Protein backbone atom coordinates (compact mmCIF):
# COMPACT_ATOMS: atom_id res chain seq x y z
CA UNK A 1 28.34 110.12 39.36
CA UNK A 2 24.77 109.72 40.68
CA UNK A 3 21.79 110.16 38.15
CA UNK A 4 18.19 110.87 38.27
CA UNK A 5 16.11 107.34 37.89
CA UNK A 6 13.83 109.08 35.02
CA UNK A 7 15.77 107.66 32.05
CA UNK A 8 16.55 104.25 33.37
CA UNK A 9 12.88 104.01 34.36
CA UNK A 10 11.61 105.37 30.96
CA UNK A 11 13.50 102.76 29.14
CA UNK A 12 12.49 99.90 31.44
CA UNK A 13 8.66 100.90 30.79
CA UNK A 14 9.47 100.88 27.15
CA UNK A 15 11.60 97.88 27.19
CA UNK A 16 9.19 95.85 29.35
CA UNK A 17 11.63 95.24 32.24
CA UNK A 18 12.01 96.60 35.89
CA UNK A 19 14.99 98.25 37.66
CA UNK A 20 15.47 96.92 41.12
CA UNK A 21 15.72 99.69 44.02
CA UNK A 22 17.77 97.62 46.54
CA UNK A 23 17.50 99.40 49.87
CA UNK A 24 20.87 100.24 51.79
CA UNK A 25 21.49 99.88 55.37
CA UNK A 26 25.61 100.22 55.65
CA UNK A 27 28.63 100.06 53.94
CA UNK A 28 28.57 96.45 53.09
CA UNK A 29 25.05 96.89 51.84
CA UNK A 30 26.07 99.40 49.32
CA UNK A 31 29.10 97.87 48.35
CA UNK A 32 27.38 94.45 47.60
CA UNK A 33 24.64 96.09 45.33
CA UNK A 34 26.78 98.38 43.43
CA UNK A 35 29.44 95.42 42.63
CA UNK A 36 26.57 93.40 41.46
CA UNK A 37 24.91 95.83 39.54
CA UNK A 38 28.24 96.49 37.83
CA UNK A 39 28.86 92.82 37.11
CA UNK A 40 25.26 92.42 35.49
CA UNK A 41 25.61 95.66 33.73
CA UNK A 42 22.21 96.42 35.16
CA UNK A 43 20.93 100.30 36.16
CA UNK A 44 20.22 100.26 39.87
CA UNK A 45 18.30 102.44 42.35
CA UNK A 46 19.66 102.66 45.91
CA UNK A 47 16.96 103.08 48.18
CA UNK A 48 17.35 104.92 51.77
CA UNK A 49 14.35 104.80 54.25
CA UNK A 50 14.30 107.55 56.78
CA UNK A 51 15.12 105.26 59.60
CA UNK A 52 18.28 104.07 57.72
CA UNK A 53 19.23 107.60 56.88
CA UNK A 54 19.28 108.31 60.69
CA UNK A 55 21.35 105.20 61.22
CA UNK A 56 23.99 105.94 58.92
CA UNK A 57 24.41 109.42 60.40
CA UNK A 58 22.42 111.31 57.97
CA UNK A 59 21.92 112.05 54.25
CA UNK A 60 24.95 113.95 53.62
CA UNK A 61 27.09 111.08 55.07
CA UNK A 62 25.37 108.61 52.75
CA UNK A 63 25.68 110.76 49.55
CA UNK A 64 29.67 110.96 50.60
CA UNK A 65 29.95 107.24 50.83
CA UNK A 66 27.80 106.26 47.58
CA UNK A 67 29.72 108.96 45.54
CA UNK A 68 33.15 107.88 46.93
CA UNK A 69 32.12 104.06 46.31
CA UNK A 70 31.14 104.80 42.60
CA UNK A 71 34.67 106.38 41.96
CA UNK A 72 36.58 104.13 44.16
CA UNK A 73 34.96 100.78 42.72
CA UNK A 74 34.87 102.24 38.85
CA UNK A 75 30.96 101.82 38.76
CA UNK A 76 29.88 102.51 35.35
CA UNK A 77 26.41 101.56 35.35
CA UNK A 78 23.67 104.21 36.31
CA UNK A 79 23.10 104.71 39.83
CA UNK A 80 20.25 106.57 41.38
CA UNK A 81 20.32 107.57 45.07
CA UNK A 82 16.54 107.58 46.32
CA UNK A 83 14.77 108.60 49.38
CA UNK A 84 12.20 105.82 50.06
CA UNK A 85 8.62 106.74 51.58
CA UNK A 86 9.96 110.17 52.44
CA UNK A 87 8.01 112.59 54.29
CA UNK A 88 7.37 116.01 52.87
CA UNK A 89 10.18 117.37 55.40
CA UNK A 90 12.61 114.67 54.52
CA UNK A 91 12.14 115.00 50.86
CA UNK A 92 13.53 118.49 51.23
CA UNK A 93 16.55 117.46 53.41
CA UNK A 94 17.38 114.67 50.75
CA UNK A 95 17.19 117.21 48.02
CA UNK A 96 19.46 119.55 49.93
CA UNK A 97 22.23 116.54 50.59
CA UNK A 98 22.53 115.58 47.08
CA UNK A 99 20.26 112.74 46.59
CA UNK A 100 19.19 112.35 42.81
CA UNK A 101 15.97 111.09 43.54
CA UNK A 102 13.29 111.23 46.34
CA UNK A 103 10.06 109.61 47.13
CA UNK A 104 7.28 111.84 48.70
CA UNK A 105 4.82 109.34 50.15
CA UNK A 106 1.83 111.47 50.74
CA UNK A 107 -0.67 108.58 50.76
CA UNK A 108 -1.63 109.20 54.58
CA UNK A 109 -2.95 112.86 53.48
CA UNK A 110 -6.39 113.44 52.19
CA UNK A 111 -5.91 113.35 48.37
CA UNK A 112 -6.18 117.10 47.86
CA UNK A 113 -3.47 117.77 50.19
CA UNK A 114 -1.21 114.88 48.68
CA UNK A 115 -1.72 116.68 45.34
CA UNK A 116 -0.87 120.09 46.66
CA UNK A 117 2.46 119.04 48.30
CA UNK A 118 3.34 116.55 45.34
CA UNK A 119 2.78 119.51 42.82
CA UNK A 120 5.44 121.77 44.82
CA UNK A 121 8.00 118.98 44.84
CA UNK A 122 7.40 118.42 40.81
CA UNK A 123 8.38 122.09 40.54
CA UNK A 124 11.60 121.62 42.89
CA UNK A 125 12.64 118.53 41.39
CA UNK A 126 12.32 119.45 37.80
CA UNK A 127 14.40 122.77 38.53
CA UNK A 128 17.21 120.40 39.94
CA UNK A 129 17.16 117.36 37.46
CA UNK A 130 15.89 114.93 39.90
CA UNK A 131 13.22 112.20 39.72
CA UNK A 132 10.51 112.02 41.79
CA UNK A 133 8.21 109.17 43.17
CA UNK A 134 4.69 109.84 44.49
CA UNK A 135 2.26 107.33 46.34
CA UNK A 136 -1.33 106.77 46.25
CA UNK A 137 -2.95 104.33 48.48
CA UNK A 138 -0.93 103.26 51.15
CA UNK A 139 1.34 99.65 50.70
CA UNK A 140 0.67 97.10 53.49
CA UNK A 141 2.91 95.92 56.22
CA UNK A 142 5.19 98.02 58.15
CA UNK A 143 7.39 100.97 56.92
CA UNK A 144 9.25 102.99 59.50
CA UNK A 145 6.37 102.26 61.92
CA UNK A 146 3.43 103.03 59.48
CA UNK A 147 1.31 100.09 59.18
CA UNK A 148 -1.15 99.39 56.23
CA UNK A 149 -3.04 96.00 55.16
CA UNK A 150 -2.31 95.75 51.42
CA UNK A 151 -4.59 98.50 50.60
CA UNK A 152 -5.61 99.03 46.96
CA UNK A 153 -5.26 102.33 45.37
CA UNK A 154 -8.26 104.28 43.52
CA UNK A 155 -7.03 104.22 39.73
CA UNK A 156 -8.61 107.97 39.40
CA UNK A 157 -6.44 109.14 42.17
CA UNK A 158 -3.51 107.68 40.52
CA UNK A 159 -4.36 109.62 37.29
CA UNK A 160 -4.47 112.67 39.34
CA UNK A 161 -1.13 112.38 40.81
CA UNK A 162 0.44 110.97 37.61
CA UNK A 163 -0.67 113.85 35.94
CA UNK A 164 0.97 116.30 38.17
CA UNK A 165 4.43 115.36 36.23
CA UNK A 166 5.98 112.93 38.91
CA UNK A 167 8.78 110.45 37.37
CA UNK A 168 7.07 107.50 38.81
CA UNK A 169 4.05 106.14 40.77
CA UNK A 170 3.75 103.70 43.80
CA UNK A 171 0.27 102.26 43.91
CA UNK A 172 -1.05 99.83 46.37
CA UNK A 173 -2.27 96.84 44.63
CA UNK A 174 -2.45 94.46 47.54
CA UNK A 175 1.59 94.41 48.01
CA UNK A 176 2.96 94.39 51.68
CA UNK A 177 6.22 95.41 53.09
CA UNK A 178 8.01 92.68 55.03
CA UNK A 179 6.94 88.98 55.12
CA UNK A 180 3.97 88.21 53.36
CA UNK A 181 1.47 86.36 55.72
CA UNK A 182 0.16 82.57 54.60
CA UNK A 183 -3.46 84.06 53.81
CA UNK A 184 -2.21 86.78 51.44
CA UNK A 185 -4.64 87.12 48.75
CA UNK A 186 -2.07 88.01 46.01
CA UNK A 187 -1.69 91.07 43.71
CA UNK A 188 -4.70 92.78 42.29
CA UNK A 189 -3.85 92.70 38.69
CA UNK A 190 -7.51 93.98 37.67
CA UNK A 191 -6.53 97.34 39.39
CA UNK A 192 -2.84 97.39 38.00
CA UNK A 193 -4.39 97.06 34.48
CA UNK A 194 -6.81 100.18 35.22
CA UNK A 195 -3.94 102.02 36.65
CA UNK A 196 -1.77 101.52 33.88
CA UNK A 197 -4.40 102.30 31.28
CA UNK A 198 -5.11 105.83 33.41
CA UNK A 199 -1.37 106.80 33.62
CA UNK A 200 -0.13 105.85 30.09
CA UNK A 201 3.52 105.86 30.04
CA UNK A 202 4.19 106.52 33.66
CA UNK A 203 6.44 104.13 35.14
CA UNK A 204 4.79 102.15 38.03
CA UNK A 205 6.67 101.12 41.18
CA UNK A 206 5.91 97.82 43.11
CA UNK A 207 6.70 98.16 46.93
CA UNK A 208 7.21 95.08 48.93
CA UNK A 209 8.95 93.17 46.30
CA UNK A 210 10.18 90.28 48.91
CA UNK A 211 8.15 87.19 48.82
CA UNK A 212 5.96 88.00 45.58
CA UNK A 213 6.25 84.69 43.31
CA UNK A 214 8.32 85.40 40.19
CA UNK A 215 5.19 84.60 37.99
CA UNK A 216 3.49 87.36 39.59
CA UNK A 217 6.71 89.83 39.35
CA UNK A 218 6.56 89.06 35.46
CA UNK A 219 2.95 89.77 35.08
CA UNK A 220 3.34 92.92 37.03
CA UNK A 221 6.20 93.97 34.77
CA UNK A 222 4.00 93.15 31.97
CA UNK A 223 1.37 95.65 33.04
CA UNK A 224 3.84 98.48 33.46
CA UNK A 225 5.70 98.03 36.64
CA UNK A 226 9.02 99.65 35.87
CA UNK A 227 10.52 99.86 39.48
CA UNK A 228 10.56 96.89 42.05
CA UNK A 229 11.62 97.83 45.74
CA UNK A 230 13.59 94.90 47.71
CA UNK A 231 14.86 95.24 51.03
CA UNK A 232 13.49 92.52 53.40
CA UNK A 233 14.88 89.69 51.34
CA UNK A 234 18.45 90.96 51.47
CA UNK A 235 18.27 91.66 55.19
CA UNK A 236 16.92 87.82 55.52
CA UNK A 237 19.62 86.58 53.28
CA UNK A 238 22.38 88.58 55.30
CA UNK A 239 21.09 87.36 58.47
CA UNK A 240 21.07 83.72 57.49
CA UNK A 241 24.58 83.79 56.44
CA UNK A 242 25.82 85.41 59.36
CA UNK A 243 24.23 83.15 61.64
CA UNK A 244 25.70 80.05 59.73
CA UNK A 245 29.18 81.81 60.03
CA UNK A 246 28.93 82.00 63.97
CA UNK A 247 27.04 78.78 64.49
CA UNK A 248 29.85 77.09 62.49
CA UNK A 249 32.45 78.69 65.18
CA UNK A 250 34.16 80.50 62.39
CA UNK A 251 34.60 83.56 64.28
CA UNK A 252 36.78 81.75 66.83
CA UNK A 253 39.13 80.40 64.28
CA UNK A 254 42.20 82.66 63.61
CA UNK A 255 41.12 86.01 62.82
CA UNK A 256 37.44 85.15 62.16
CA UNK A 257 35.99 87.68 64.42
CA UNK A 258 37.38 90.51 62.18
CA UNK A 259 34.40 92.27 61.19
CA UNK A 260 35.72 92.01 57.40
CA UNK A 261 35.77 88.61 57.84
CA UNK A 262 32.53 88.32 60.03
CA UNK A 263 30.47 90.38 57.72
CA UNK A 264 31.92 88.82 54.37
CA UNK A 265 29.29 85.70 54.12
CA UNK A 266 26.18 88.11 54.60
CA UNK A 267 27.73 90.58 51.90
CA UNK A 268 28.12 87.50 49.51
CA UNK A 269 24.45 86.54 50.32
CA UNK A 270 23.25 90.18 49.53
CA UNK A 271 25.02 89.87 46.18
CA UNK A 272 23.46 86.52 45.53
CA UNK A 273 19.97 87.95 46.22
CA UNK A 274 20.48 90.87 44.20
CA UNK A 275 21.87 89.00 41.11
CA UNK A 276 18.66 86.78 41.38
CA UNK A 277 16.65 89.91 41.56
CA UNK A 278 18.25 91.57 38.57
CA UNK A 279 17.68 88.44 36.35
CA UNK A 280 14.09 88.09 37.28
CA UNK A 281 13.30 91.88 36.68
CA UNK A 282 15.04 91.68 33.28
CA UNK A 283 17.34 94.47 33.76
CA UNK A 284 20.69 92.79 33.12
CA UNK A 285 22.65 94.05 30.35
CA UNK A 286 20.35 97.13 30.18
CA UNK A 287 22.95 99.72 31.56
């Protein structure tokens, strides 16, 4: 059964660790992440971007697959199914389809409009027992065609959104989606400290977890980050393992072309990546 991310993130904030949100793109991705979370006894958040939602034939298909998999694989750890960087319209679509958590990314709107729309979604999610993530200050890099440069959120605006009663808050602190450029300046811990002071017990979210050095991740967790999003790193691991399999000619040996065999090394590579992240974030054994 899917659960809201509220309890797992409140526990993470209090316990000074973070829960990973791992984005899913297909059945292999979902299976690899769920099995690894179960093996590590870690709560987990499955993230779905609007693009991935479209690719996987809509949100209802995803809910059916994830719920079926939780049952079929006998998953006992808490699992939240979360819309990543959702528009106002798609947040409602996911609520209707049976997601247990949604993100409304209103960072592109003027703060007043972000507040209004977030306020309305707080009410809807509270009635249905779902968790809601809001965003202040766009995250850098590219996310479904929206490009940002590692902007830094205004702590006062963060407080305005946090006070509306959202479950968790994503704030730009110089982080970027995708691969980090060589000249990246690093995370703005001064801003993170101010945001943390002003938002109190609110679990904070770090987007663009791929490529941030481990010591920075640990420091961010110590300053109140309780949810870290990982997507690109799993994609790169999957691509590398698949490339090695094909370059070694294994798809031409026996029935090596069978998709179940062809996709197996990539799936194992995702598991290894997720395992590494769960250990780094400190959520192993916390389910």
